[in-house]
Amino acid sequence: MNPSGEKHSEKHNQSLPTLRKIRRACNKELYRTVKRLKIWIPPAQLAEAEELYLKKVVLNLQFIAENSSNRKLLSNWWDENVCQEIATLWNVEPADLSRAFRDAFGG
């Protein structure tokens, strides 16, 4: 219990992440995904995928923040909202991309 007598923990009162944190997380997740695909993605296509992913995350930020501890649910969201577009951009099979993302993300 803290000195003010409140029972709320900071874990349950977290604010939404900053745009910088979101951008870095998206970058890191896609980087790890590419490593697991074991293919080379041109920097321009990687940057375009990062921007696409960032926009999707920002548009669904409330849902993502509320479910931040449920990696499986977030991986399912990624499959439904992001995977197909990035697979088309990178010219890979959506199933392979989804598998690599889940392996990298932990969902």
C-alpha atoms as a PDB file:
ATOM      1  CA  MET A   1       0.000   0.000   0.000  1.00  0.00           C
ATOM      2  CA  ASN A   2       1.399   3.399  -0.873  1.00  0.00           C
ATOM      3  CA  PRO A   3       1.687   6.308   1.626  1.00  0.00           C
ATOM      4  CA  SER A   4      -1.462   8.055   0.383  1.00  0.00           C
ATOM      5  CA  GLY A   5      -3.569   5.023   1.248  1.00  0.00           C
ATOM      6  CA  GLU A   6      -4.646   4.295  -2.337  1.00  0.00           C
ATOM      7  CA  LYS A   7      -4.859   0.667  -3.419  1.00  0.00           C
ATOM      8  CA  HIS A   8      -4.410   1.301  -7.132  1.00  0.00           C
ATOM      9  CA  SER A   9      -1.227   0.002  -8.652  1.00  0.00           C
ATOM     10  CA  GLU A  10       0.527   1.800 -11.455  1.00  0.00           C
ATOM     11  CA  LYS A  11       0.259  -1.288 -13.635  1.00  0.00           C
ATOM     12  CA  HIS A  12      -3.495  -0.822 -13.910  1.00  0.00           C
ATOM     13  CA  ASN A  13      -3.319   2.931 -14.435  1.00  0.00           C
ATOM     14  CA  GLN A  14      -0.899   3.002 -17.345  1.00  0.00           C
ATOM     15  CA  SER A  15      -1.407   5.682 -19.938  1.00  0.00           C
ATOM     16  CA  LEU A  16      -1.254   5.048 -23.664  1.00  0.00           C
ATOM     17  CA  PRO A  17       2.254   4.707 -25.085  1.00  0.00           C
ATOM     18  CA  THR A  18       3.885   7.594 -26.919  1.00  0.00           C
ATOM     19  CA  LEU A  19       4.193   7.609 -30.694  1.00  0.00           C
ATOM     20  CA  ARG A  20       7.948   7.094 -30.336  1.00  0.00           C
ATOM     21  CA  LYS A  21       7.445   3.929 -28.271  1.00  0.00           C
ATOM     22  CA  ILE A  22       4.859   2.621 -30.733  1.00  0.00           C
ATOM     23  CA  ARG A  23       7.130   3.304 -33.709  1.00  0.00           C
ATOM     24  CA  ARG A  24      10.075   1.556 -32.041  1.00  0.00           C
ATOM     25  CA  ALA A  25       7.947  -1.459 -31.077  1.00  0.00           C
ATOM     26  CA  CYS A  26       6.586  -1.810 -34.623  1.00  0.00           C
ATOM     27  CA  ASN A  27      10.102  -1.540 -36.032  1.00  0.00           C
ATOM     28  CA  LYS A  28      11.426  -4.178 -33.651  1.00  0.00           C
ATOM     29  CA  GLU A  29       8.545  -6.594 -34.301  1.00  0.00           C
ATOM     30  CA  LEU A  30       8.934  -6.361 -38.081  1.00  0.00           C
ATOM     31  CA  TYR A  31      12.730  -6.694 -37.817  1.00  0.00           C
ATOM     32  CA  ARG A  32      12.342  -9.907 -35.803  1.00  0.00           C
ATOM     33  CA  THR A  33       9.726 -11.174 -38.245  1.00  0.00           C
ATOM     34  CA  VAL A  34      12.022 -10.612 -41.237  1.00  0.00           C
ATOM     35  CA  LYS A  35      14.812 -12.482 -39.460  1.00  0.00           C
ATOM     36  CA  ARG A  36      12.537 -15.484 -39.005  1.00  0.00           C
ATOM     37  CA  LEU A  37      11.433 -15.383 -42.645  1.00  0.00           C
ATOM     38  CA  LYS A  38      15.116 -15.675 -43.617  1.00  0.00           C
ATOM     39  CA  ILE A  39      14.668 -13.477 -46.691  1.00  0.00           C
ATOM     40  CA  TRP A  40      16.022 -10.098 -47.649  1.00  0.00           C
ATOM     41  CA  ILE A  41      13.541  -7.244 -47.723  1.00  0.00           C
ATOM     42  CA  PRO A  42      14.673  -4.037 -49.479  1.00  0.00           C
ATOM     43  CA  PRO A  43      14.901  -1.072 -47.074  1.00  0.00           C
ATOM     44  CA  ALA A  44      12.207   0.847 -48.964  1.00  0.00           C
ATOM     45  CA  GLN A  45       9.722  -2.019 -48.613  1.00  0.00           C
ATOM     46  CA  LEU A  46      10.624  -2.454 -44.955  1.00  0.00           C
ATOM     47  CA  ALA A  47      10.053   1.260 -44.310  1.00  0.00           C
ATOM     48  CA  GLU A  48       6.721   1.139 -46.136  1.00  0.00           C
ATOM     49  CA  ALA A  49       5.636  -1.873 -44.069  1.00  0.00           C
ATOM     50  CA  GLU A  50       6.644  -0.085 -40.864  1.00  0.00           C
ATOM     51  CA  GLU A  51       4.534   2.941 -41.779  1.00  0.00           C
ATOM     52  CA  LEU A  52       1.577   0.722 -42.662  1.00  0.00           C
ATOM     53  CA  TYR A  53       1.892  -1.205 -39.406  1.00  0.00           C
ATOM     54  CA  LEU A  54       2.290   2.000 -37.391  1.00  0.00           C
ATOM     55  CA  LYS A  55      -0.875   3.500 -38.913  1.00  0.00           C
ATOM     56  CA  LYS A  56      -2.877   0.355 -38.164  1.00  0.00           C
ATOM     57  CA  VAL A  57      -1.639   0.298 -34.563  1.00  0.00           C
ATOM     58  CA  VAL A  58      -2.430   3.982 -34.000  1.00  0.00           C
ATOM     59  CA  LEU A  59      -5.938   3.518 -35.413  1.00  0.00           C
ATOM     60  CA  ASN A  60      -6.527   0.617 -33.008  1.00  0.00           C
ATOM     61  CA  LEU A  61      -4.473   1.926 -30.094  1.00  0.00           C
ATOM     62  CA  GLN A  62      -7.196   1.629 -27.471  1.00  0.00           C
ATOM     63  CA  PHE A  63      -7.794  -2.056 -28.261  1.00  0.00           C
ATOM     64  CA  ILE A  64      -4.060  -2.798 -28.342  1.00  0.00           C
ATOM     65  CA  ALA A  65      -3.386  -0.986 -25.065  1.00  0.00           C
ATOM     66  CA  GLU A  66      -6.271  -2.751 -23.323  1.00  0.00           C
ATOM     67  CA  ASN A  67      -5.016  -6.153 -24.488  1.00  0.00           C
ATOM     68  CA  SER A  68      -1.285  -5.531 -24.217  1.00  0.00           C
ATOM     69  CA  SER A  69      -0.742  -8.587 -22.022  1.00  0.00           C
ATOM     70  CA  ASN A  70      -2.604 -10.973 -24.371  1.00  0.00           C
ATOM     71  CA  ARG A  71      -0.083 -11.759 -27.106  1.00  0.00           C
ATOM     72  CA  LYS A  72      -2.277 -14.389 -28.752  1.00  0.00           C
ATOM     73  CA  LEU A  73      -5.161 -11.925 -29.157  1.00  0.00           C
ATOM     74  CA  LEU A  74      -2.793  -9.271 -30.528  1.00  0.00           C
ATOM     75  CA  SER A  75      -1.314 -11.795 -32.959  1.00  0.00           C
ATOM     76  CA  ASN A  76      -4.827 -12.638 -34.134  1.00  0.00           C
ATOM     77  CA  TRP A  77      -5.505  -8.909 -34.595  1.00  0.00           C
ATOM     78  CA  TRP A  78      -2.284  -8.617 -36.616  1.00  0.00           C
ATOM     79  CA  ASP A  79      -3.321 -11.539 -38.828  1.00  0.00           C
ATOM     80  CA  GLU A  80      -6.706  -9.952 -39.525  1.00  0.00           C
ATOM     81  CA  ASN A  81      -5.612  -6.335 -39.993  1.00  0.00           C
ATOM     82  CA  VAL A  82      -1.980  -6.176 -41.088  1.00  0.00           C
ATOM     83  CA  CYS A  83      -0.652  -9.501 -42.374  1.00  0.00           C
ATOM     84  CA  GLN A  84      -2.251  -9.578 -45.815  1.00  0.00           C
ATOM     85  CA  GLU A  85      -1.107  -6.088 -46.800  1.00  0.00           C
ATOM     86  CA  ILE A  86       2.480  -6.640 -45.680  1.00  0.00           C
ATOM     87  CA  ALA A  87       2.568 -10.077 -47.328  1.00  0.00           C
ATOM     88  CA  THR A  88       1.493  -8.466 -50.603  1.00  0.00           C
ATOM     89  CA  LEU A  89       4.069  -5.696 -50.197  1.00  0.00           C
ATOM     90  CA  TRP A  90       6.889  -8.128 -49.434  1.00  0.00           C
ATOM     91  CA  ASN A  91       5.705 -10.736 -51.952  1.00  0.00           C
ATOM     92  CA  VAL A  92       5.528 -13.571 -49.388  1.00  0.00           C
ATOM     93  CA  GLU A  93       2.811 -16.025 -48.444  1.00  0.00           C
ATOM     94  CA  PRO A  94       0.513 -14.647 -45.719  1.00  0.00           C
ATOM     95  CA  ALA A  95       0.684 -17.970 -43.829  1.00  0.00           C
ATOM     96  CA  ASP A  96       4.502 -17.821 -43.743  1.00  0.00           C
ATOM     97  CA  LEU A  97       4.451 -14.186 -42.641  1.00  0.00           C
ATOM     98  CA  SER A  98       1.884 -14.925 -39.951  1.00  0.00           C
ATOM     99  CA  ARG A  99       3.918 -17.850 -38.641  1.00  0.00           C
ATOM    100  CA  ALA A 100       7.098 -15.746 -38.553  1.00  0.00           C
ATOM    101  CA  PHE A 101       5.323 -12.869 -36.794  1.00  0.00           C
ATOM    102  CA  ARG A 102       3.805 -15.151 -34.166  1.00  0.00           C
ATOM    103  CA  ASP A 103       7.186 -16.747 -33.565  1.00  0.00           C
ATOM    104  CA  ALA A 104       8.826 -13.322 -33.202  1.00  0.00           C
ATOM    105  CA  PHE A 105       6.037 -11.717 -31.193  1.00  0.00           C
ATOM    106  CA  GLY A 106       5.265 -14.630 -28.921  1.00  0.00           C
ATOM    107  CA  GLY A 107       1.612 -15.172 -29.791  1.00  0.00           C
END
